[in-house]
Amino acid sequence: MPPACARCFGGTAKTEAGDSAVIVAKLRGQAAVLQEILAANPTLDIHEAAYLGDAARARQLLEADDALLESFSSDGFTPLDLASYFGHRDLVTFLLERGAKVEHEIRNENLFTALTGAVAEGHLQVAKLLLDLGANVNHRYAEGSMPLITAAANGDADMVQLLLAHGADPNAANDEGKRAIDVAAERGHGVVVMLLRNRTAAVTVDREDPMRVSPETYGVEAEGGGVRVLVETLPPGGSAPRHRHPDHVLVAISGGRIALRSVHGRVETHEMEPGDALVFPGVVHEVENVGAREWRAAIVEFRPAE
């Protein structure tokens, strides 16, 4: 959007496509364009005010219509979600005092919340405000991530400590089967690794290990050298509840048809003949035999060193 176009917008500051020019400029980091738009004194709606941290405009709008407090933007975010993501602490405080819900119906496709936005952008004090009022510290969103995993990936030691203090689960894994300590180690965040190692030192059993979750389904055939071989057996209609595997190869023994369900409900169905093989990255899922015959397969796991 060329800067000159800012002069073309009317009182509501919309682009030619009908999008909010304020939001477009803010998201694109176009400070000069945004300044020119605001110089024309556009009439901001509640979500534009939240993007900008304009508490005075938000107050004015809510005095006129309190229902706007829990209204959703076109992409599925409430004013609190947006103010939290951009770190507008004063506005977040005002919205919370006004009664904004830290936990509400989620309408955005990635399942983001006010807390996930504050964590992702490193807004420590905003995150603390939300957690103190009951935000779900172990909320799962896109790709099975969680606030602690995101903070660990960012190398944000202060945020990691805050989340742990509010009950974040250091042993929970994302859709790839990676915990917060795993992603921190991958990215070289040594301080975060030490924080998490100290919190998980007493935990010697992976609660989502398939052998722990469903011992009637899985048996260990071999283990050593960073590799574990499991045999998975399911009768027709049988299933194994949520569990996790590191990177692995699935080799059909008897063949059949299985359905793999991710933590977000996405289902992949695979029809396999004996000897067929599939390669998977680390994953957390459920498995069900949706075929008419017994399912047996070997699972070769490549387990990270402790």
C-alpha atoms as a PDB file:
ATOM      1  CA  MET A   1       0.000   0.000   0.000  1.00  0.00           C
ATOM      2  CA  PRO A   2       1.751   3.204  -1.134  1.00  0.00           C
ATOM      3  CA  PRO A   3       1.910   5.941   1.534  1.00  0.00           C
ATOM      4  CA  ALA A   4      -0.030   8.326  -0.670  1.00  0.00           C
ATOM      5  CA  CYS A   5      -3.030   6.027  -0.510  1.00  0.00           C
ATOM      6  CA  ALA A   6      -3.518   6.858   3.145  1.00  0.00           C
ATOM      7  CA  ARG A   7      -4.967  10.220   2.082  1.00  0.00           C
ATOM      8  CA  CYS A   8      -7.633   8.450   0.048  1.00  0.00           C
ATOM      9  CA  PHE A   9      -9.313   6.723   3.001  1.00  0.00           C
ATOM     10  CA  GLY A  10     -12.503   8.064   4.462  1.00  0.00           C
ATOM     11  CA  GLY A  11     -13.467   8.206   8.118  1.00  0.00           C
ATOM     12  CA  THR A  12     -13.258   4.435   8.586  1.00  0.00           C
ATOM     13  CA  ALA A  13      -9.797   4.072   7.004  1.00  0.00           C
ATOM     14  CA  LYS A  14     -10.377   1.114   4.705  1.00  0.00           C
ATOM     15  CA  THR A  15      -8.228  -0.150   1.866  1.00  0.00           C
ATOM     16  CA  GLU A  16      -9.618  -0.516  -1.635  1.00  0.00           C
ATOM     17  CA  ALA A  17     -10.234  -4.208  -0.845  1.00  0.00           C
ATOM     18  CA  GLY A  18     -12.300  -3.248   2.192  1.00  0.00           C
ATOM     19  CA  ASP A  19      -9.728  -4.256   4.803  1.00  0.00           C
ATOM     20  CA  SER A  20      -8.781  -2.008   7.685  1.00  0.00           C
ATOM     21  CA  ALA A  21      -5.926   0.189   6.524  1.00  0.00           C
ATOM     22  CA  VAL A  22      -4.886   0.628  10.150  1.00  0.00           C
ATOM     23  CA  ILE A  23      -4.559  -3.102  10.703  1.00  0.00           C
ATOM     24  CA  VAL A  24      -2.864  -3.749   7.368  1.00  0.00           C
ATOM     25  CA  ALA A  25      -0.245  -1.077   8.041  1.00  0.00           C
ATOM     26  CA  LYS A  26       0.261  -2.266  11.630  1.00  0.00           C
ATOM     27  CA  LEU A  27       0.743  -5.908  10.635  1.00  0.00           C
ATOM     28  CA  ARG A  28       3.125  -5.002   7.816  1.00  0.00           C
ATOM     29  CA  GLY A  29       5.220  -2.809  10.083  1.00  0.00           C
ATOM     30  CA  GLN A  30       4.612   0.210   7.865  1.00  0.00           C
ATOM     31  CA  ALA A  31       5.064   2.873  10.520  1.00  0.00           C
ATOM     32  CA  ALA A  32       5.092   5.837   8.139  1.00  0.00           C
ATOM     33  CA  VAL A  33       1.910   4.675   6.417  1.00  0.00           C
ATOM     34  CA  LEU A  34       0.200   4.076   9.744  1.00  0.00           C
ATOM     35  CA  GLN A  35       1.206   7.530  10.984  1.00  0.00           C
ATOM     36  CA  GLU A  36      -0.251   9.139   7.871  1.00  0.00           C
ATOM     37  CA  ILE A  37      -3.502   7.205   8.234  1.00  0.00           C
ATOM     38  CA  LEU A  38      -3.855   8.197  11.883  1.00  0.00           C
ATOM     39  CA  ALA A  39      -3.083  11.824  11.056  1.00  0.00           C
ATOM     40  CA  ALA A  40      -6.384  11.869   9.149  1.00  0.00           C
ATOM     41  CA  ASN A  41      -8.197  11.017  12.420  1.00  0.00           C
ATOM     42  CA  PRO A  42     -10.042   7.929  11.182  1.00  0.00           C
ATOM     43  CA  THR A  43     -12.903   6.512  13.234  1.00  0.00           C
ATOM     44  CA  LEU A  44     -11.391   3.416  14.814  1.00  0.00           C
ATOM     45  CA  ASP A  45     -13.491   0.369  15.601  1.00  0.00           C
ATOM     46  CA  ILE A  46     -12.855  -1.675  18.746  1.00  0.00           C
ATOM     47  CA  HIS A  47     -10.436  -4.086  17.077  1.00  0.00           C
ATOM     48  CA  GLU A  48      -8.402  -1.321  15.456  1.00  0.00           C
ATOM     49  CA  ALA A  49      -8.202   0.366  18.860  1.00  0.00           C
ATOM     50  CA  ALA A  50      -6.958  -2.922  20.330  1.00  0.00           C
ATOM     51  CA  TYR A  51      -4.289  -3.255  17.635  1.00  0.00           C
ATOM     52  CA  LEU A  52      -3.031   0.237  18.448  1.00  0.00           C
ATOM     53  CA  GLY A  53      -3.461   0.130  22.207  1.00  0.00           C
ATOM     54  CA  ASP A  54      -5.842   3.088  22.115  1.00  0.00           C
ATOM     55  CA  ALA A  55      -7.437   2.712  25.554  1.00  0.00           C
ATOM     56  CA  ALA A  56      -9.324   6.008  25.305  1.00  0.00           C
ATOM     57  CA  ARG A  57     -11.068   4.966  22.089  1.00  0.00           C
ATOM     58  CA  ALA A  58     -11.767   1.497  23.487  1.00  0.00           C
ATOM     59  CA  ARG A  59     -13.340   3.045  26.580  1.00  0.00           C
ATOM     60  CA  GLN A  60     -15.488   5.320  24.424  1.00  0.00           C
ATOM     61  CA  LEU A  61     -16.743   2.429  22.324  1.00  0.00           C
ATOM     62  CA  LEU A  62     -17.441   0.165  25.287  1.00  0.00           C
ATOM     63  CA  GLU A  63     -19.346   2.909  27.106  1.00  0.00           C
ATOM     64  CA  ALA A  64     -21.632   3.020  24.070  1.00  0.00           C
ATOM     65  CA  ASP A  65     -21.867  -0.756  23.552  1.00  0.00           C
ATOM     66  CA  ASP A  66     -20.496  -3.116  26.205  1.00  0.00           C
ATOM     67  CA  ALA A  67     -21.116  -6.123  23.921  1.00  0.00           C
ATOM     68  CA  LEU A  68     -18.043  -5.080  21.933  1.00  0.00           C
ATOM     69  CA  LEU A  69     -15.900  -6.400  24.799  1.00  0.00           C
ATOM     70  CA  GLU A  70     -16.333  -9.986  23.580  1.00  0.00           C
ATOM     71  CA  SER A  71     -16.762  -9.232  19.881  1.00  0.00           C
ATOM     72  CA  PHE A  72     -14.626 -10.986  17.284  1.00  0.00           C
ATOM     73  CA  SER A  73     -12.575  -9.432  14.512  1.00  0.00           C
ATOM     74  CA  SER A  74     -12.931 -10.729  10.973  1.00  0.00           C
ATOM     75  CA  ASP A  75     -10.083 -13.165  11.624  1.00  0.00           C
ATOM     76  CA  GLY A  76     -11.488 -14.407  14.920  1.00  0.00           C
ATOM     77  CA  PHE A  77      -9.887 -12.391  17.737  1.00  0.00           C
ATOM     78  CA  THR A  78     -11.368 -10.432  20.639  1.00  0.00           C
ATOM     79  CA  PRO A  79     -10.052  -7.028  21.724  1.00  0.00           C
ATOM     80  CA  LEU A  80      -8.238  -8.723  24.632  1.00  0.00           C
ATOM     81  CA  ASP A  81      -6.576 -11.225  22.278  1.00  0.00           C
ATOM     82  CA  LEU A  82      -5.267  -8.424  20.081  1.00  0.00           C
ATOM     83  CA  ALA A  83      -4.152  -6.109  22.863  1.00  0.00           C
ATOM     84  CA  SER A  84      -2.310  -8.997  24.506  1.00  0.00           C
ATOM     85  CA  TYR A  85      -0.509  -9.997  21.306  1.00  0.00           C
ATOM     86  CA  PHE A  86       0.762  -6.452  20.787  1.00  0.00           C
ATOM     87  CA  GLY A  87       1.714  -6.016  24.437  1.00  0.00           C
ATOM     88  CA  HIS A  88      -0.566  -3.077  25.230  1.00  0.00           C
ATOM     89  CA  ARG A  89      -0.463  -3.617  28.981  1.00  0.00           C
ATOM     90  CA  ASP A  90      -2.587  -0.603  29.967  1.00  0.00           C
ATOM     91  CA  LEU A  91      -5.324  -1.592  27.531  1.00  0.00           C
ATOM     92  CA  VAL A  92      -5.143  -5.231  28.633  1.00  0.00           C
ATOM     93  CA  THR A  93      -5.562  -4.106  32.239  1.00  0.00           C
ATOM     94  CA  PHE A  94      -8.532  -1.918  31.300  1.00  0.00           C
ATOM     95  CA  LEU A  95     -10.229  -4.720  29.339  1.00  0.00           C
ATOM     96  CA  LEU A  96      -9.717  -7.201  32.158  1.00  0.00           C
ATOM     97  CA  GLU A  97     -11.090  -4.743  34.719  1.00  0.00           C
ATOM     98  CA  ARG A  98     -14.046  -4.257  32.404  1.00  0.00           C
ATOM     99  CA  GLY A  99     -14.696  -8.013  32.554  1.00  0.00           C
ATOM    100  CA  ALA A 100     -13.063  -9.388  29.397  1.00  0.00           C
ATOM    101  CA  LYS A 101     -12.821 -13.165  29.466  1.00  0.00           C
ATOM    102  CA  VAL A 102      -9.338 -14.665  29.394  1.00  0.00           C
ATOM    103  CA  GLU A 103     -10.913 -17.964  28.261  1.00  0.00           C
ATOM    104  CA  HIS A 104     -13.619 -17.778  25.619  1.00  0.00           C
ATOM    105  CA  GLU A 105     -14.902 -19.462  22.476  1.00  0.00           C
ATOM    106  CA  ILE A 106     -12.073 -19.706  19.951  1.00  0.00           C
ATOM    107  CA  ARG A 107     -12.873 -18.703  16.393  1.00  0.00           C
ATOM    108  CA  ASN A 108      -9.446 -18.289  14.779  1.00  0.00           C
ATOM    109  CA  GLU A 109      -8.136 -21.224  12.744  1.00  0.00           C
ATOM    110  CA  ASN A 110      -4.900 -21.625  14.702  1.00  0.00           C
ATOM    111  CA  LEU A 111      -6.635 -21.751  18.115  1.00  0.00           C
ATOM    112  CA  PHE A 112      -4.633 -18.795  19.427  1.00  0.00           C
ATOM    113  CA  THR A 113      -5.648 -17.080  22.687  1.00  0.00           C
ATOM    114  CA  ALA A 114      -4.683 -13.908  24.517  1.00  0.00           C
ATOM    115  CA  LEU A 115      -2.060 -15.860  26.470  1.00  0.00           C
ATOM    116  CA  THR A 116      -0.507 -17.564  23.449  1.00  0.00           C
ATOM    117  CA  GLY A 117      -0.126 -14.162  21.782  1.00  0.00           C
ATOM    118  CA  ALA A 118       1.500 -12.579  24.822  1.00  0.00           C
ATOM    119  CA  VAL A 119       3.873 -15.523  25.203  1.00  0.00           C
ATOM    120  CA  ALA A 120       4.802 -15.665  21.530  1.00  0.00           C
ATOM    121  CA  GLU A 121       5.697 -11.965  21.494  1.00  0.00           C
ATOM    122  CA  GLY A 122       7.488 -12.018  24.851  1.00  0.00           C
ATOM    123  CA  HIS A 123       5.130  -9.734  26.772  1.00  0.00           C
ATOM    124  CA  LEU A 124       5.929 -10.996  30.258  1.00  0.00           C
ATOM    125  CA  GLN A 125       3.782  -8.634  32.314  1.00  0.00           C
ATOM    126  CA  VAL A 126       0.771  -9.129  30.055  1.00  0.00           C
ATOM    127  CA  ALA A 127       1.171 -12.892  30.322  1.00  0.00           C
ATOM    128  CA  LYS A 128       1.302 -12.600  34.121  1.00  0.00           C
ATOM    129  CA  LEU A 129      -1.917 -10.580  34.186  1.00  0.00           C
ATOM    130  CA  LEU A 130      -3.672 -13.251  32.129  1.00  0.00           C
ATOM    131  CA  LEU A 131      -2.290 -16.181  34.122  1.00  0.00           C
ATOM    132  CA  ASP A 132      -3.238 -14.578  37.423  1.00  0.00           C
ATOM    133  CA  LEU A 133      -6.822 -14.431  36.160  1.00  0.00           C
ATOM    134  CA  GLY A 134      -6.931 -18.080  35.122  1.00  0.00           C
ATOM    135  CA  ALA A 135      -5.680 -18.270  31.541  1.00  0.00           C
ATOM    136  CA  ASN A 136      -5.058 -21.899  30.554  1.00  0.00           C
ATOM    137  CA  VAL A 137      -1.293 -22.324  30.863  1.00  0.00           C
ATOM    138  CA  ASN A 138      -1.430 -25.681  29.056  1.00  0.00           C
ATOM    139  CA  HIS A 139      -3.658 -24.626  26.156  1.00  0.00           C
ATOM    140  CA  ARG A 140      -2.906 -26.472  22.911  1.00  0.00           C
ATOM    141  CA  TYR A 141      -3.007 -24.624  19.623  1.00  0.00           C
ATOM    142  CA  ALA A 142      -1.491 -24.864  16.119  1.00  0.00           C
ATOM    143  CA  GLU A 143       0.579 -28.026  15.563  1.00  0.00           C
ATOM    144  CA  GLY A 144      -0.008 -29.102  19.148  1.00  0.00           C
ATOM    145  CA  SER A 145       2.148 -26.342  20.549  1.00  0.00           C
ATOM    146  CA  MET A 146       1.671 -24.910  24.032  1.00  0.00           C
ATOM    147  CA  PRO A 147       2.771 -21.670  25.726  1.00  0.00           C
ATOM    148  CA  LEU A 148       5.735 -23.348  27.443  1.00  0.00           C
ATOM    149  CA  ILE A 149       6.939 -24.915  24.200  1.00  0.00           C
ATOM    150  CA  THR A 150       6.689 -21.550  22.432  1.00  0.00           C
ATOM    151  CA  ALA A 151       8.579 -19.737  25.194  1.00  0.00           C
ATOM    152  CA  ALA A 152      11.269 -22.428  25.155  1.00  0.00           C
ATOM    153  CA  ALA A 153      11.599 -22.176  21.371  1.00  0.00           C
ATOM    154  CA  ASN A 154      12.060 -18.408  21.746  1.00  0.00           C
ATOM    155  CA  GLY A 155      14.727 -18.856  24.416  1.00  0.00           C
ATOM    156  CA  ASP A 156      12.630 -16.693  26.760  1.00  0.00           C
ATOM    157  CA  ALA A 157      13.886 -17.839  30.167  1.00  0.00           C
ATOM    158  CA  ASP A 158      11.787 -15.340  32.156  1.00  0.00           C
ATOM    159  CA  MET A 159       8.625 -16.453  30.382  1.00  0.00           C
ATOM    160  CA  VAL A 160       9.508 -20.112  30.929  1.00  0.00           C
ATOM    161  CA  GLN A 161       9.890 -19.483  34.657  1.00  0.00           C
ATOM    162  CA  LEU A 162       6.569 -17.631  34.795  1.00  0.00           C
ATOM    163  CA  LEU A 163       4.724 -20.426  33.000  1.00  0.00           C
ATOM    164  CA  LEU A 164       6.271 -23.134  35.156  1.00  0.00           C
ATOM    165  CA  ALA A 165       5.276 -21.206  38.271  1.00  0.00           C
ATOM    166  CA  HIS A 166       1.681 -21.246  37.024  1.00  0.00           C
ATOM    167  CA  GLY A 167       1.606 -24.985  36.395  1.00  0.00           C
ATOM    168  CA  ALA A 168       2.889 -25.432  32.832  1.00  0.00           C
ATOM    169  CA  ASP A 169       3.581 -29.100  32.090  1.00  0.00           C
ATOM    170  CA  PRO A 170       7.257 -29.498  31.078  1.00  0.00           C
ATOM    171  CA  ASN A 171       6.637 -33.032  29.841  1.00  0.00           C
ATOM    172  CA  ALA A 172       3.830 -32.255  27.395  1.00  0.00           C
ATOM    173  CA  ALA A 173       4.776 -32.664  23.725  1.00  0.00           C
ATOM    174  CA  ASN A 174       3.641 -31.067  20.480  1.00  0.00           C
ATOM    175  CA  ASP A 175       2.388 -32.891  17.386  1.00  0.00           C
ATOM    176  CA  GLU A 176       5.986 -33.829  16.519  1.00  0.00           C
ATOM    177  CA  GLY A 177       6.479 -35.436  19.916  1.00  0.00           C
ATOM    178  CA  LYS A 178       8.813 -32.674  21.112  1.00  0.00           C
ATOM    179  CA  ARG A 179       8.701 -31.216  24.610  1.00  0.00           C
ATOM    180  CA  ALA A 180       9.765 -27.724  25.623  1.00  0.00           C
ATOM    181  CA  ILE A 181      13.216 -28.984  26.602  1.00  0.00           C
ATOM    182  CA  ASP A 182      13.609 -30.661  23.209  1.00  0.00           C
ATOM    183  CA  VAL A 183      12.878 -27.523  21.179  1.00  0.00           C
ATOM    184  CA  ALA A 184      15.062 -25.413  23.482  1.00  0.00           C
ATOM    185  CA  ALA A 185      17.958 -27.839  22.983  1.00  0.00           C
ATOM    186  CA  GLU A 186      17.478 -27.850  19.197  1.00  0.00           C
ATOM    187  CA  ARG A 187      17.759 -24.061  19.111  1.00  0.00           C
ATOM    188  CA  GLY A 188      20.701 -23.817  21.462  1.00  0.00           C
ATOM    189  CA  HIS A 189      18.909 -22.108  24.347  1.00  0.00           C
ATOM    190  CA  GLY A 190      21.122 -23.484  27.114  1.00  0.00           C
ATOM    191  CA  VAL A 191      19.678 -21.440  29.984  1.00  0.00           C
ATOM    192  CA  VAL A 192      16.164 -22.616  29.162  1.00  0.00           C
ATOM    193  CA  VAL A 193      17.356 -26.210  28.873  1.00  0.00           C
ATOM    194  CA  MET A 194      18.813 -25.996  32.370  1.00  0.00           C
ATOM    195  CA  LEU A 195      15.619 -24.506  33.777  1.00  0.00           C
ATOM    196  CA  LEU A 196      13.529 -27.272  32.278  1.00  0.00           C
ATOM    197  CA  ARG A 197      15.987 -30.022  33.173  1.00  0.00           C
ATOM    198  CA  ASN A 198      15.860 -28.950  36.801  1.00  0.00           C
ATOM    199  CA  ARG A 199      12.061 -29.098  36.743  1.00  0.00           C
ATOM    200  CA  THR A 200      11.875 -32.480  35.030  1.00  0.00           C
ATOM    201  CA  ALA A 201      14.804 -34.243  36.733  1.00  0.00           C
ATOM    202  CA  ALA A 202      12.499 -36.304  38.927  1.00  0.00           C
ATOM    203  CA  VAL A 203      10.364 -37.461  36.021  1.00  0.00           C
ATOM    204  CA  THR A 204      11.858 -40.675  34.688  1.00  0.00           C
ATOM    205  CA  VAL A 205       8.822 -42.075  32.832  1.00  0.00           C
ATOM    206  CA  ASP A 206       7.292 -40.441  29.794  1.00  0.00           C
ATOM    207  CA  ARG A 207       3.577 -40.341  30.575  1.00  0.00           C
ATOM    208  CA  GLU A 208       2.732 -40.423  26.864  1.00  0.00           C
ATOM    209  CA  ASP A 209       5.007 -43.333  26.008  1.00  0.00           C
ATOM    210  CA  PRO A 210       2.939 -45.968  24.154  1.00  0.00           C
ATOM    211  CA  MET A 211       4.213 -48.732  26.432  1.00  0.00           C
ATOM    212  CA  ARG A 212       2.813 -46.839  29.419  1.00  0.00           C
ATOM    213  CA  VAL A 213      -0.398 -45.671  27.765  1.00  0.00           C
ATOM    214  CA  SER A 214      -1.423 -48.906  26.052  1.00  0.00           C
ATOM    215  CA  PRO A 215       0.709 -51.923  27.042  1.00  0.00           C
ATOM    216  CA  GLU A 216      -1.926 -54.251  25.591  1.00  0.00           C
ATOM    217  CA  THR A 217      -1.298 -52.721  22.145  1.00  0.00           C
ATOM    218  CA  TYR A 218       2.486 -52.344  22.144  1.00  0.00           C
ATOM    219  CA  GLY A 219       5.354 -54.674  22.865  1.00  0.00           C
ATOM    220  CA  VAL A 220       9.100 -53.981  22.763  1.00  0.00           C
ATOM    221  CA  GLU A 221      10.957 -56.250  20.344  1.00  0.00           C
ATOM    222  CA  ALA A 222      14.368 -54.599  20.561  1.00  0.00           C
ATOM    223  CA  GLU A 223      15.995 -51.542  22.112  1.00  0.00           C
ATOM    224  CA  GLY A 224      19.446 -49.999  22.099  1.00  0.00           C
ATOM    225  CA  GLY A 225      21.735 -47.554  20.348  1.00  0.00           C
ATOM    226  CA  GLY A 226      19.069 -44.850  20.191  1.00  0.00           C
ATOM    227  CA  VAL A 227      16.585 -47.171  18.459  1.00  0.00           C
ATOM    228  CA  ARG A 228      13.532 -48.930  19.861  1.00  0.00           C
ATOM    229  CA  VAL A 229      11.412 -51.395  17.903  1.00  0.00           C
ATOM    230  CA  LEU A 230       7.785 -51.835  18.958  1.00  0.00           C
ATOM    231  CA  VAL A 231       5.154 -54.204  17.633  1.00  0.00           C
ATOM    232  CA  GLU A 232       1.697 -52.670  17.451  1.00  0.00           C
ATOM    233  CA  THR A 233      -1.302 -55.051  17.519  1.00  0.00           C
ATOM    234  CA  LEU A 234      -4.940 -53.989  17.228  1.00  0.00           C
ATOM    235  CA  PRO A 235      -8.074 -56.081  16.616  1.00  0.00           C
ATOM    236  CA  PRO A 236     -10.701 -54.723  14.194  1.00  0.00           C
ATOM    237  CA  GLY A 237     -12.199 -51.652  15.831  1.00  0.00           C
ATOM    238  CA  GLY A 238      -9.448 -51.584  18.446  1.00  0.00           C
ATOM    239  CA  SER A 239      -7.671 -48.369  19.352  1.00  0.00           C
ATOM    240  CA  ALA A 240      -4.815 -46.958  21.409  1.00  0.00           C
ATOM    241  CA  PRO A 241      -5.374 -43.672  23.265  1.00  0.00           C
ATOM    242  CA  ARG A 242      -3.209 -40.613  22.923  1.00  0.00           C
ATOM    243  CA  HIS A 243       0.516 -41.375  22.981  1.00  0.00           C
ATOM    244  CA  ARG A 244       3.672 -40.089  21.378  1.00  0.00           C
ATOM    245  CA  HIS A 245       6.451 -41.410  19.189  1.00  0.00           C
ATOM    246  CA  PRO A 246       9.710 -39.697  18.238  1.00  0.00           C
ATOM    247  CA  ASP A 247      10.726 -39.834  14.559  1.00  0.00           C
ATOM    248  CA  HIS A 248       9.828 -43.325  13.395  1.00  0.00           C
ATOM    249  CA  VAL A 249       9.181 -45.746  10.569  1.00  0.00           C
ATOM    250  CA  LEU A 250       5.946 -47.739  10.494  1.00  0.00           C
ATOM    251  CA  VAL A 251       6.201 -51.116   8.723  1.00  0.00           C
ATOM    252  CA  ALA A 252       3.033 -53.144   8.155  1.00  0.00           C
ATOM    253  CA  ILE A 253       3.308 -56.799   9.189  1.00  0.00           C
ATOM    254  CA  SER A 254      -0.207 -58.063   8.555  1.00  0.00           C
ATOM    255  CA  GLY A 255      -1.446 -55.065   6.603  1.00  0.00           C
ATOM    256  CA  GLY A 256      -4.835 -53.436   6.917  1.00  0.00           C
ATOM    257  CA  ARG A 257      -6.362 -50.023   7.399  1.00  0.00           C
ATOM    258  CA  ILE A 258      -5.598 -47.645  10.259  1.00  0.00           C
ATOM    259  CA  ALA A 259      -6.666 -44.146  11.215  1.00  0.00           C
ATOM    260  CA  LEU A 260      -4.292 -41.761  12.984  1.00  0.00           C
ATOM    261  CA  ARG A 261      -5.918 -38.856  14.872  1.00  0.00           C
ATOM    262  CA  SER A 262      -3.835 -35.820  15.893  1.00  0.00           C
ATOM    263  CA  VAL A 263      -4.394 -33.854  19.102  1.00  0.00           C
ATOM    264  CA  HIS A 264      -6.472 -31.378  17.065  1.00  0.00           C
ATOM    265  CA  GLY A 265      -8.729 -34.034  15.597  1.00  0.00           C
ATOM    266  CA  ARG A 266      -7.126 -34.242  12.159  1.00  0.00           C
ATOM    267  CA  VAL A 267      -7.440 -37.808  10.853  1.00  0.00           C
ATOM    268  CA  GLU A 268      -5.133 -39.566   8.402  1.00  0.00           C
ATOM    269  CA  THR A 269      -6.219 -42.966   7.101  1.00  0.00           C
ATOM    270  CA  HIS A 270      -3.666 -45.379   5.655  1.00  0.00           C
ATOM    271  CA  GLU A 271      -4.349 -48.586   3.709  1.00  0.00           C
ATOM    272  CA  MET A 272      -1.228 -50.765   3.874  1.00  0.00           C
ATOM    273  CA  GLU A 273      -0.139 -54.165   2.621  1.00  0.00           C
ATOM    274  CA  PRO A 274       2.410 -56.378   4.411  1.00  0.00           C
ATOM    275  CA  GLY A 275       5.861 -54.854   3.965  1.00  0.00           C
ATOM    276  CA  ASP A 276       4.606 -51.359   3.197  1.00  0.00           C
ATOM    277  CA  ALA A 277       6.415 -48.655   5.154  1.00  0.00           C
ATOM    278  CA  LEU A 278       5.725 -45.050   6.092  1.00  0.00           C
ATOM    279  CA  VAL A 279       8.126 -42.518   7.608  1.00  0.00           C
ATOM    280  CA  PHE A 280       6.799 -40.111  10.238  1.00  0.00           C
ATOM    281  CA  PRO A 281       8.303 -37.209  12.183  1.00  0.00           C
ATOM    282  CA  GLY A 282       7.754 -37.169  15.923  1.00  0.00           C
ATOM    283  CA  VAL A 283       4.052 -37.100  16.671  1.00  0.00           C
ATOM    284  CA  VAL A 284       1.382 -37.241  19.361  1.00  0.00           C
ATOM    285  CA  HIS A 285      -1.712 -39.083  18.196  1.00  0.00           C
ATOM    286  CA  GLU A 286      -4.350 -41.766  18.710  1.00  0.00           C
ATOM    287  CA  VAL A 287      -4.550 -44.827  16.479  1.00  0.00           C
ATOM    288  CA  GLU A 288      -7.546 -46.971  15.497  1.00  0.00           C
ATOM    289  CA  ASN A 289      -7.838 -50.113  13.396  1.00  0.00           C
ATOM    290  CA  VAL A 290     -10.637 -49.221  10.966  1.00  0.00           C
ATOM    291  CA  GLY A 291     -10.116 -52.317   8.835  1.00  0.00           C
ATOM    292  CA  ALA A 292     -11.794 -55.725   8.948  1.00  0.00           C
ATOM    293  CA  ARG A 293      -8.756 -57.747  10.046  1.00  0.00           C
ATOM    294  CA  GLU A 294      -6.219 -57.673  12.829  1.00  0.00           C
ATOM    295  CA  TRP A 295      -3.611 -54.966  12.400  1.00  0.00           C
ATOM    296  CA  ARG A 296       0.021 -55.701  13.204  1.00  0.00           C
ATOM    297  CA  ALA A 297       2.949 -53.422  12.460  1.00  0.00           C
ATOM    298  CA  ALA A 298       6.507 -52.783  13.522  1.00  0.00           C
ATOM    299  CA  ILE A 299       7.364 -49.273  14.687  1.00  0.00           C
ATOM    300  CA  VAL A 300      11.056 -48.376  14.532  1.00  0.00           C
ATOM    301  CA  GLU A 301      11.606 -45.353  16.785  1.00  0.00           C
ATOM    302  CA  PHE A 302      14.702 -43.179  16.617  1.00  0.00           C
ATOM    303  CA  ARG A 303      14.918 -41.958  20.169  1.00  0.00           C
ATOM    304  CA  PRO A 304      16.842 -38.791  21.074  1.00  0.00           C
ATOM    305  CA  ALA A 305      19.667 -39.142  23.576  1.00  0.00           C
ATOM    306  CA  GLU A 306      18.757 -38.175  27.132  1.00  0.00           C
END
